[in-house]
Amino acid sequence: QAFGLILTDRRLPDGMIEDRLPEIKSGCPETPIIVV
């Protein structure tokens, strides 16, 4: 599914978001991300 925006918590069960951002960006490089 395509999204216009991703809103994510920073501390997640499978890692800190800054460590997982490359994986997310690789699948949707143009989708903006807000970290909460």
PDB file of all heavy atoms in Angstrom:
ATOM      1  N   GLN A   1       0.840  -1.198   0.000  1.00  0.00           N
ATOM      2  CA  GLN A   1       0.000   0.000   0.000  1.00  0.00           C
ATOM      3  C   GLN A   1       0.873   1.246   0.000  1.00  0.00           C
ATOM      4  O   GLN A   1       1.953   1.267   0.611  1.00  0.00           O
ATOM      5  CB  GLN A   1      -0.927  -0.004   1.228  1.00  0.00           C
ATOM      6  CG  GLN A   1      -1.956   1.117   1.242  1.00  0.00           C
ATOM      7  CD  GLN A   1      -2.905   1.005   2.423  1.00  0.00           C
ATOM      8  OE1 GLN A   1      -2.881   0.011   3.166  1.00  0.00           O
ATOM      9  NE2 GLN A   1      -3.741   1.997   2.624  1.00  0.00           N
ATOM     10  N   ALA A   2       0.398   2.289  -0.683  1.00  0.00           N
ATOM     11  CA  ALA A   2       1.134   3.555  -0.740  1.00  0.00           C
ATOM     12  C   ALA A   2       0.562   4.528   0.287  1.00  0.00           C
ATOM     13  O   ALA A   2      -0.650   4.542   0.543  1.00  0.00           O
ATOM     14  CB  ALA A   2       1.038   4.160  -2.139  1.00  0.00           C
ATOM     15  N   PHE A   3       1.437   5.343   0.860  1.00  0.00           N
ATOM     16  CA  PHE A   3       1.031   6.302   1.885  1.00  0.00           C
ATOM     17  C   PHE A   3       1.602   7.676   1.558  1.00  0.00           C
ATOM     18  O   PHE A   3       2.676   7.788   0.965  1.00  0.00           O
ATOM     19  CB  PHE A   3       1.518   5.856   3.271  1.00  0.00           C
ATOM     20  CG  PHE A   3       0.844   4.610   3.785  1.00  0.00           C
ATOM     21  CD1 PHE A   3       1.366   3.358   3.495  1.00  0.00           C
ATOM     22  CD2 PHE A   3      -0.322   4.689   4.520  1.00  0.00           C
ATOM     23  CE1 PHE A   3       0.752   2.210   3.956  1.00  0.00           C
ATOM     24  CE2 PHE A   3      -0.948   3.551   4.989  1.00  0.00           C
ATOM     25  CZ  PHE A   3      -0.414   2.300   4.704  1.00  0.00           C
ATOM     26  N   GLY A   4       0.856   8.696   1.977  1.00  0.00           N
ATOM     27  CA  GLY A   4       1.331  10.054   1.796  1.00  0.00           C
ATOM     28  C   GLY A   4       2.209  10.526   2.931  1.00  0.00           C
ATOM     29  O   GLY A   4       2.929  11.514   2.802  1.00  0.00           O
ATOM     30  N   LEU A   5       2.178   9.797   4.088  1.00  0.00           N
ATOM     31  CA  LEU A   5       2.932  10.225   5.273  1.00  0.00           C
ATOM     32  C   LEU A   5       3.065   9.048   6.225  1.00  0.00           C
ATOM     33  O   LEU A   5       2.155   8.219   6.336  1.00  0.00           O
ATOM     34  CB  LEU A   5       2.217  11.392   5.972  1.00  0.00           C
ATOM     35  CG  LEU A   5       2.844  11.922   7.272  1.00  0.00           C
ATOM     36  CD1 LEU A   5       4.170  12.592   7.005  1.00  0.00           C
ATOM     37  CD2 LEU A   5       1.899  12.898   7.952  1.00  0.00           C
ATOM     38  N   ILE A   6       4.217   8.981   6.911  1.00  0.00           N
ATOM     39  CA  ILE A   6       4.430   7.989   7.975  1.00  0.00           C
ATOM     40  C   ILE A   6       4.664   8.745   9.271  1.00  0.00           C
ATOM     41  O   ILE A   6       5.518   9.636   9.337  1.00  0.00           O
ATOM     42  CB  ILE A   6       5.638   7.090   7.662  1.00  0.00           C
ATOM     43  CG1 ILE A   6       5.387   6.287   6.382  1.00  0.00           C
ATOM     44  CG2 ILE A   6       5.922   6.141   8.828  1.00  0.00           C
ATOM     45  CD1 ILE A   6       6.591   5.485   5.922  1.00  0.00           C
ATOM     46  N   LEU A   7       3.890   8.396  10.303  1.00  0.00           N
ATOM     47  CA  LEU A   7       4.007   8.996  11.640  1.00  0.00           C
ATOM     48  C   LEU A   7       4.432   7.891  12.577  1.00  0.00           C
ATOM     49  O   LEU A   7       3.696   6.919  12.786  1.00  0.00           O
ATOM     50  CB  LEU A   7       2.661   9.592  12.056  1.00  0.00           C
ATOM     51  CG  LEU A   7       2.622  10.447  13.320  1.00  0.00           C
ATOM     52  CD1 LEU A   7       3.432  11.716  13.141  1.00  0.00           C
ATOM     53  CD2 LEU A   7       1.194  10.790  13.676  1.00  0.00           C
ATOM     54  N   THR A   8       5.632   7.994  13.147  1.00  0.00           N
ATOM     55  CA  THR A   8       6.173   6.878  13.916  1.00  0.00           C
ATOM     56  C   THR A   8       6.708   7.308  15.273  1.00  0.00           C
ATOM     57  O   THR A   8       7.275   8.394  15.419  1.00  0.00           O
ATOM     58  CB  THR A   8       7.298   6.167  13.128  1.00  0.00           C
ATOM     59  OG1 THR A   8       7.872   5.130  13.942  1.00  0.00           O
ATOM     60  CG2 THR A   8       8.395   7.136  12.708  1.00  0.00           C
ATOM     61  N   ASP A   9       6.514   6.422  16.264  1.00  0.00           N
ATOM     62  CA  ASP A   9       7.150   6.614  17.565  1.00  0.00           C
ATOM     63  C   ASP A   9       8.644   6.356  17.402  1.00  0.00           C
ATOM     64  O   ASP A   9       9.074   5.656  16.466  1.00  0.00           O
ATOM     65  CB  ASP A   9       6.547   5.646  18.581  1.00  0.00           C
ATOM     66  CG  ASP A   9       6.940   6.004  20.009  1.00  0.00           C
ATOM     67  OD1 ASP A   9       7.433   7.133  20.236  1.00  0.00           O
ATOM     68  OD2 ASP A   9       6.757   5.167  20.897  1.00  0.00           O
ATOM     69  N   ARG A  10       9.442   6.923  18.280  1.00  0.00           N
ATOM     70  CA  ARG A  10      10.877   6.711  18.166  1.00  0.00           C
ATOM     71  C   ARG A  10      11.296   5.368  18.751  1.00  0.00           C
ATOM     72  O   ARG A  10      12.032   4.607  18.134  1.00  0.00           O
ATOM     73  CB  ARG A  10      11.631   7.840  18.875  1.00  0.00           C
ATOM     74  CG  ARG A  10      13.150   7.676  18.733  1.00  0.00           C
ATOM     75  CD  ARG A  10      13.926   8.615  19.629  1.00  0.00           C
ATOM     76  NE  ARG A  10      15.332   8.233  19.647  1.00  0.00           N
ATOM     77  CZ  ARG A  10      16.149   8.402  20.668  1.00  0.00           C
ATOM     78  NH1 ARG A  10      15.708   8.976  21.766  1.00  0.00           N
ATOM     79  NH2 ARG A  10      17.406   8.028  20.594  1.00  0.00           N
ATOM     80  N   ARG A  11      10.794   5.034  19.947  1.00  0.00           N
ATOM     81  CA  ARG A  11      11.185   3.784  20.620  1.00  0.00           C
ATOM     82  C   ARG A  11      10.127   2.732  20.314  1.00  0.00           C
ATOM     83  O   ARG A  11       8.979   2.837  20.738  1.00  0.00           O
ATOM     84  CB  ARG A  11      11.314   4.026  22.124  1.00  0.00           C
ATOM     85  CG  ARG A  11      11.939   2.854  22.892  1.00  0.00           C
ATOM     86  CD  ARG A  11      11.970   3.159  24.380  1.00  0.00           C
ATOM     87  NE  ARG A  11      12.792   4.302  24.680  1.00  0.00           N
ATOM     88  CZ  ARG A  11      14.104   4.247  24.876  1.00  0.00           C
ATOM     89  NH1 ARG A  11      14.731   3.095  24.780  1.00  0.00           N
ATOM     90  NH2 ARG A  11      14.788   5.344  25.144  1.00  0.00           N
ATOM     91  N   LEU A  12      10.519   1.685  19.560  1.00  0.00           N
ATOM     92  CA  LEU A  12       9.599   0.646  19.127  1.00  0.00           C
ATOM     93  C   LEU A  12      10.096  -0.721  19.588  1.00  0.00           C
ATOM     94  O   LEU A  12      11.283  -0.885  19.907  1.00  0.00           O
ATOM     95  CB  LEU A  12       9.460   0.671  17.608  1.00  0.00           C
ATOM     96  CG  LEU A  12       8.811   1.946  17.045  1.00  0.00           C
ATOM     97  CD1 LEU A  12       9.063   2.053  15.548  1.00  0.00           C
ATOM     98  CD2 LEU A  12       7.321   1.971  17.351  1.00  0.00           C
ATOM     99  N   PRO A  13       9.221  -1.733  19.605  1.00  0.00           N
ATOM    100  CA  PRO A  13       9.636  -3.053  20.102  1.00  0.00           C
ATOM    101  C   PRO A  13      10.807  -3.655  19.333  1.00  0.00           C
ATOM    102  O   PRO A  13      11.593  -4.408  19.905  1.00  0.00           O
ATOM    103  CB  PRO A  13       8.361  -3.908  19.933  1.00  0.00           C
ATOM    104  CG  PRO A  13       7.245  -2.927  19.946  1.00  0.00           C
ATOM    105  CD  PRO A  13       7.775  -1.697  19.313  1.00  0.00           C
ATOM    106  N   ASP A  14      10.926  -3.366  18.055  1.00  0.00           N
ATOM    107  CA  ASP A  14      12.011  -3.957  17.265  1.00  0.00           C
ATOM    108  C   ASP A  14      13.097  -2.937  16.920  1.00  0.00           C
ATOM    109  O   ASP A  14      13.757  -3.052  15.877  1.00  0.00           O
ATOM    110  CB  ASP A  14      11.470  -4.609  16.000  1.00  0.00           C
ATOM    111  CG  ASP A  14      10.514  -3.720  15.234  1.00  0.00           C
ATOM    112  OD1 ASP A  14      10.177  -2.633  15.747  1.00  0.00           O
ATOM    113  OD2 ASP A  14      10.097  -4.116  14.145  1.00  0.00           O
ATOM    114  N   GLY A  15      13.286  -1.950  17.789  1.00  0.00           N
ATOM    115  CA  GLY A  15      14.435  -1.067  17.616  1.00  0.00           C
ATOM    116  C   GLY A  15      14.085   0.406  17.649  1.00  0.00           C
ATOM    117  O   GLY A  15      12.922   0.797  17.553  1.00  0.00           O
ATOM    118  N   MET A  16      15.135   1.235  17.820  1.00  0.00           N
ATOM    119  CA  MET A  16      14.960   2.672  17.747  1.00  0.00           C
ATOM    120  C   MET A  16      14.752   3.056  16.285  1.00  0.00           C
ATOM    121  O   MET A  16      15.376   2.504  15.377  1.00  0.00           O
ATOM    122  CB  MET A  16      16.193   3.385  18.305  1.00  0.00           C
ATOM    123  CG  MET A  16      16.530   2.989  19.738  1.00  0.00           C
ATOM    124  SD  MET A  16      15.226   3.448  20.907  1.00  0.00           S
ATOM    125  CE  MET A  16      15.475   5.211  20.973  1.00  0.00           C
ATOM    126  N   ILE A  17      13.891   4.029  16.077  1.00  0.00           N
ATOM    127  CA  ILE A  17      13.503   4.354  14.701  1.00  0.00           C
ATOM    128  C   ILE A  17      14.690   4.858  13.891  1.00  0.00           C
ATOM    129  O   ILE A  17      14.781   4.601  12.684  1.00  0.00           O
ATOM    130  CB  ILE A  17      12.342   5.384  14.685  1.00  0.00           C
ATOM    131  CG1 ILE A  17      11.746   5.469  13.276  1.00  0.00           C
ATOM    132  CG2 ILE A  17      12.823   6.737  15.164  1.00  0.00           C
ATOM    133  CD1 ILE A  17      11.145   4.192  12.790  1.00  0.00           C
ATOM    134  N   GLU A  18      15.655   5.577  14.525  1.00  0.00           N
ATOM    135  CA  GLU A  18      16.780   6.079  13.745  1.00  0.00           C
ATOM    136  C   GLU A  18      17.645   4.940  13.198  1.00  0.00           C
ATOM    137  O   GLU A  18      18.334   5.101  12.194  1.00  0.00           O
ATOM    138  CB  GLU A  18      17.647   7.046  14.567  1.00  0.00           C
ATOM    139  CG  GLU A  18      18.172   6.481  15.872  1.00  0.00           C
ATOM    140  CD  GLU A  18      17.300   6.877  17.053  1.00  0.00           C
ATOM    141  OE1 GLU A  18      16.078   7.084  16.861  1.00  0.00           O
ATOM    142  OE2 GLU A  18      17.843   6.993  18.159  1.00  0.00           O
ATOM    143  N   ASP A  19      17.584   3.744  13.883  1.00  0.00           N
ATOM    144  CA  ASP A  19      18.330   2.583  13.391  1.00  0.00           C
ATOM    145  C   ASP A  19      17.586   1.861  12.276  1.00  0.00           C
ATOM    146  O   ASP A  19      18.203   1.146  11.484  1.00  0.00           O
ATOM    147  CB  ASP A  19      18.602   1.607  14.548  1.00  0.00           C
ATOM    148  CG  ASP A  19      19.460   2.230  15.638  1.00  0.00           C
ATOM    149  OD1 ASP A  19      20.327   3.063  15.291  1.00  0.00           O
ATOM    150  OD2 ASP A  19      19.259   1.900  16.820  1.00  0.00           O
ATOM    151  N   ARG A  20      16.261   2.039  12.214  1.00  0.00           N
ATOM    152  CA  ARG A  20      15.454   1.320  11.209  1.00  0.00           C
ATOM    153  C   ARG A  20      15.031   2.196  10.040  1.00  0.00           C
ATOM    154  O   ARG A  20      14.396   1.712   9.097  1.00  0.00           O
ATOM    155  CB  ARG A  20      14.193   0.739  11.882  1.00  0.00           C
ATOM    156  CG  ARG A  20      14.446  -0.152  13.092  1.00  0.00           C
ATOM    157  CD  ARG A  20      15.257  -1.389  12.749  1.00  0.00           C
ATOM    158  NE  ARG A  20      14.641  -2.236  11.754  1.00  0.00           N
ATOM    159  CZ  ARG A  20      13.760  -3.212  12.044  1.00  0.00           C
ATOM    160  NH1 ARG A  20      13.415  -3.435  13.311  1.00  0.00           N
ATOM    161  NH2 ARG A  20      13.244  -3.945  11.080  1.00  0.00           N
ATOM    162  N   LEU A  21      15.366   3.494  10.126  1.00  0.00           N
ATOM    163  CA  LEU A  21      14.952   4.404   9.048  1.00  0.00           C
ATOM    164  C   LEU A  21      15.460   3.981   7.669  1.00  0.00           C
ATOM    165  O   LEU A  21      14.710   4.074   6.689  1.00  0.00           O
ATOM    166  CB  LEU A  21      15.419   5.838   9.354  1.00  0.00           C
ATOM    167  CG  LEU A  21      14.490   6.672  10.238  1.00  0.00           C
ATOM    168  CD1 LEU A  21      15.152   7.995  10.577  1.00  0.00           C
ATOM    169  CD2 LEU A  21      13.154   6.925   9.551  1.00  0.00           C
ATOM    170  N   PRO A  22      16.715   3.515   7.542  1.00  0.00           N
ATOM    171  CA  PRO A  22      17.160   3.120   6.202  1.00  0.00           C
ATOM    172  C   PRO A  22      16.283   2.045   5.575  1.00  0.00           C
ATOM    173  O   PRO A  22      16.025   2.071   4.371  1.00  0.00           O
ATOM    174  CB  PRO A  22      18.590   2.622   6.441  1.00  0.00           C
ATOM    175  CG  PRO A  22      19.046   3.376   7.655  1.00  0.00           C
ATOM    176  CD  PRO A  22      17.826   3.487   8.522  1.00  0.00           C
ATOM    177  N   GLU A  23      15.795   1.078   6.384  1.00  0.00           N
ATOM    178  CA  GLU A  23      14.925   0.034   5.846  1.00  0.00           C
ATOM    179  C   GLU A  23      13.611   0.629   5.339  1.00  0.00           C
ATOM    180  O   GLU A  23      13.113   0.270   4.272  1.00  0.00           O
ATOM    181  CB  GLU A  23      14.620  -1.007   6.925  1.00  0.00           C
ATOM    182  CG  GLU A  23      15.822  -1.790   7.404  1.00  0.00           C
ATOM    183  CD  GLU A  23      15.450  -2.735   8.528  1.00  0.00           C
ATOM    184  OE1 GLU A  23      14.694  -3.683   8.265  1.00  0.00           O
ATOM    185  OE2 GLU A  23      15.894  -2.488   9.666  1.00  0.00           O
ATOM    186  N   ILE A  24      13.055   1.527   6.140  1.00  0.00           N
ATOM    187  CA  ILE A  24      11.784   2.138   5.754  1.00  0.00           C
ATOM    188  C   ILE A  24      11.964   2.987   4.508  1.00  0.00           C
ATOM    189  O   ILE A  24      11.167   2.916   3.561  1.00  0.00           O
ATOM    190  CB  ILE A  24      11.221   2.980   6.920  1.00  0.00           C
ATOM    191  CG1 ILE A  24      10.926   2.085   8.129  1.00  0.00           C
ATOM    192  CG2 ILE A  24       9.965   3.727   6.502  1.00  0.00           C
ATOM    193  CD1 ILE A  24      10.467   2.844   9.358  1.00  0.00           C
ATOM    194  N   LYS A  25      13.031   3.804   4.474  1.00  0.00           N
ATOM    195  CA  LYS A  25      13.240   4.703   3.344  1.00  0.00           C
ATOM    196  C   LYS A  25      13.552   3.932   2.064  1.00  0.00           C
ATOM    197  O   LYS A  25      13.260   4.409   0.971  1.00  0.00           O
ATOM    198  CB  LYS A  25      14.374   5.676   3.636  1.00  0.00           C
ATOM    199  CG  LYS A  25      14.104   6.637   4.797  1.00  0.00           C
ATOM    200  CD  LYS A  25      12.979   7.599   4.463  1.00  0.00           C
ATOM    201  CE  LYS A  25      13.379   8.644   3.480  1.00  0.00           C
ATOM    202  NZ  LYS A  25      12.325   9.660   3.257  1.00  0.00           N
ATOM    203  N   SER A  26      14.146   2.741   2.191  1.00  0.00           N
ATOM    204  CA  SER A  26      14.466   1.969   0.988  1.00  0.00           C
ATOM    205  C   SER A  26      13.205   1.537   0.259  1.00  0.00           C
ATOM    206  O   SER A  26      13.204   1.394  -0.965  1.00  0.00           O
ATOM    207  CB  SER A  26      15.303   0.747   1.363  1.00  0.00           C
ATOM    208  OG  SER A  26      14.550  -0.163   2.154  1.00  0.00           O
ATOM    209  N   GLY A  27      12.115   1.303   1.000  1.00  0.00           N
ATOM    210  CA  GLY A  27      10.872   0.879   0.374  1.00  0.00           C
ATOM    211  C   GLY A  27      10.012   2.030  -0.116  1.00  0.00           C
ATOM    212  O   GLY A  27       9.207   1.859  -1.029  1.00  0.00           O
ATOM    213  N   CYS A  28      10.151   3.182   0.504  1.00  0.00           N
ATOM    214  CA  CYS A  28       9.336   4.350   0.102  1.00  0.00           C
ATOM    215  C   CYS A  28      10.186   5.609   0.272  1.00  0.00           C
ATOM    216  O   CYS A  28       9.950   6.407   1.193  1.00  0.00           O
ATOM    217  CB  CYS A  28       8.057   4.432   0.926  1.00  0.00           C
ATOM    218  SG  CYS A  28       8.312   4.315   2.714  1.00  0.00           S
ATOM    219  N   PRO A  29      11.187   5.795  -0.582  1.00  0.00           N
ATOM    220  CA  PRO A  29      12.149   6.896  -0.397  1.00  0.00           C
ATOM    221  C   PRO A  29      11.529   8.280  -0.454  1.00  0.00           C
ATOM    222  O   PRO A  29      12.078   9.221   0.102  1.00  0.00           O
ATOM    223  CB  PRO A  29      13.149   6.686  -1.542  1.00  0.00           C
ATOM    224  CG  PRO A  29      12.409   5.874  -2.556  1.00  0.00           C
ATOM    225  CD  PRO A  29      11.481   5.000  -1.790  1.00  0.00           C
ATOM    226  N   GLU A  30      10.377   8.430  -1.138  1.00  0.00           N
ATOM    227  CA  GLU A  30       9.783   9.753  -1.300  1.00  0.00           C
ATOM    228  C   GLU A  30       8.737  10.074  -0.234  1.00  0.00           C
ATOM    229  O   GLU A  30       8.223  11.180  -0.188  1.00  0.00           O
ATOM    230  CB  GLU A  30       9.124   9.859  -2.686  1.00  0.00           C
ATOM    231  CG  GLU A  30      10.060   9.606  -3.855  1.00  0.00           C
ATOM    232  CD  GLU A  30      11.225  10.571  -3.882  1.00  0.00           C
ATOM    233  OE1 GLU A  30      11.029  11.731  -3.491  1.00  0.00           O
ATOM    234  OE2 GLU A  30      12.328  10.162  -4.264  1.00  0.00           O
ATOM    235  N   THR A  31       8.389   9.090   0.610  1.00  0.00           N
ATOM    236  CA  THR A  31       7.349   9.310   1.617  1.00  0.00           C
ATOM    237  C   THR A  31       7.927  10.049   2.822  1.00  0.00           C
ATOM    238  O   THR A  31       8.879   9.574   3.446  1.00  0.00           O
ATOM    239  CB  THR A  31       6.745   7.976   2.079  1.00  0.00           C
ATOM    240  OG1 THR A  31       6.260   7.256   0.945  1.00  0.00           O
ATOM    241  CG2 THR A  31       5.593   8.209   3.054  1.00  0.00           C
ATOM    242  N   PRO A  32       7.370  11.215   3.190  1.00  0.00           N
ATOM    243  CA  PRO A  32       7.886  11.949   4.352  1.00  0.00           C
ATOM    244  C   PRO A  32       7.580  11.205   5.651  1.00  0.00           C
ATOM    245  O   PRO A  32       6.587  10.486   5.756  1.00  0.00           O
ATOM    246  CB  PRO A  32       7.139  13.286   4.280  1.00  0.00           C
ATOM    247  CG  PRO A  32       5.932  13.023   3.459  1.00  0.00           C
ATOM    248  CD  PRO A  32       6.274  11.935   2.508  1.00  0.00           C
ATOM    249  N   ILE A  33       8.465  11.391   6.632  1.00  0.00           N
ATOM    250  CA  ILE A  33       8.351  10.700   7.922  1.00  0.00           C
ATOM    251  C   ILE A  33       8.415  11.716   9.049  1.00  0.00           C
ATOM    252  O   ILE A  33       9.304  12.566   9.076  1.00  0.00           O
ATOM    253  CB  ILE A  33       9.470   9.653   8.086  1.00  0.00           C
ATOM    254  CG1 ILE A  33       9.373   8.584   6.987  1.00  0.00           C
ATOM    255  CG2 ILE A  33       9.402   8.999   9.469  1.00  0.00           C
ATOM    256  CD1 ILE A  33      10.524   7.594   6.997  1.00  0.00           C
ATOM    257  N   ILE A  34       7.461  11.621   9.992  1.00  0.00           N
ATOM    258  CA  ILE A  34       7.483  12.422  11.218  1.00  0.00           C
ATOM    259  C   ILE A  34       7.783  11.474  12.376  1.00  0.00           C
ATOM    260  O   ILE A  34       7.115  10.455  12.547  1.00  0.00           O
ATOM    261  CB  ILE A  34       6.140  13.130  11.459  1.00  0.00           C
ATOM    262  CG1 ILE A  34       5.811  14.090  10.313  1.00  0.00           C
ATOM    263  CG2 ILE A  34       6.156  13.879  12.783  1.00  0.00           C
ATOM    264  CD1 ILE A  34       4.460  14.765  10.458  1.00  0.00           C
ATOM    265  N   VAL A  35       8.798  11.815  13.173  1.00  0.00           N
ATOM    266  CA  VAL A  35       9.155  11.016  14.340  1.00  0.00           C
ATOM    267  C   VAL A  35       8.570  11.672  15.590  1.00  0.00           C
ATOM    268  O   VAL A  35       8.763  12.864  15.813  1.00  0.00           O
ATOM    269  CB  VAL A  35      10.690  10.880  14.472  1.00  0.00           C
ATOM    270  CG1 VAL A  35      11.052  10.140  15.750  1.00  0.00           C
ATOM    271  CG2 VAL A  35      11.258  10.156  13.265  1.00  0.00           C
ATOM    272  N   VAL A  36       7.849  10.880  16.384  1.00  0.00           N
ATOM    273  CA  VAL A  36       7.235  11.361  17.629  1.00  0.00           C
ATOM    274  C   VAL A  36       7.987  10.736  18.792  1.00  0.00           C
ATOM    275  O   VAL A  36       8.192   9.527  18.829  1.00  0.00           O
ATOM    276  CB  VAL A  36       5.744  10.987  17.699  1.00  0.00           C
ATOM    277  CG1 VAL A  36       5.113  11.529  18.978  1.00  0.00           C
ATOM    278  CG2 VAL A  36       5.005  11.505  16.478  1.00  0.00           C
TER     279      VAL A  36
END
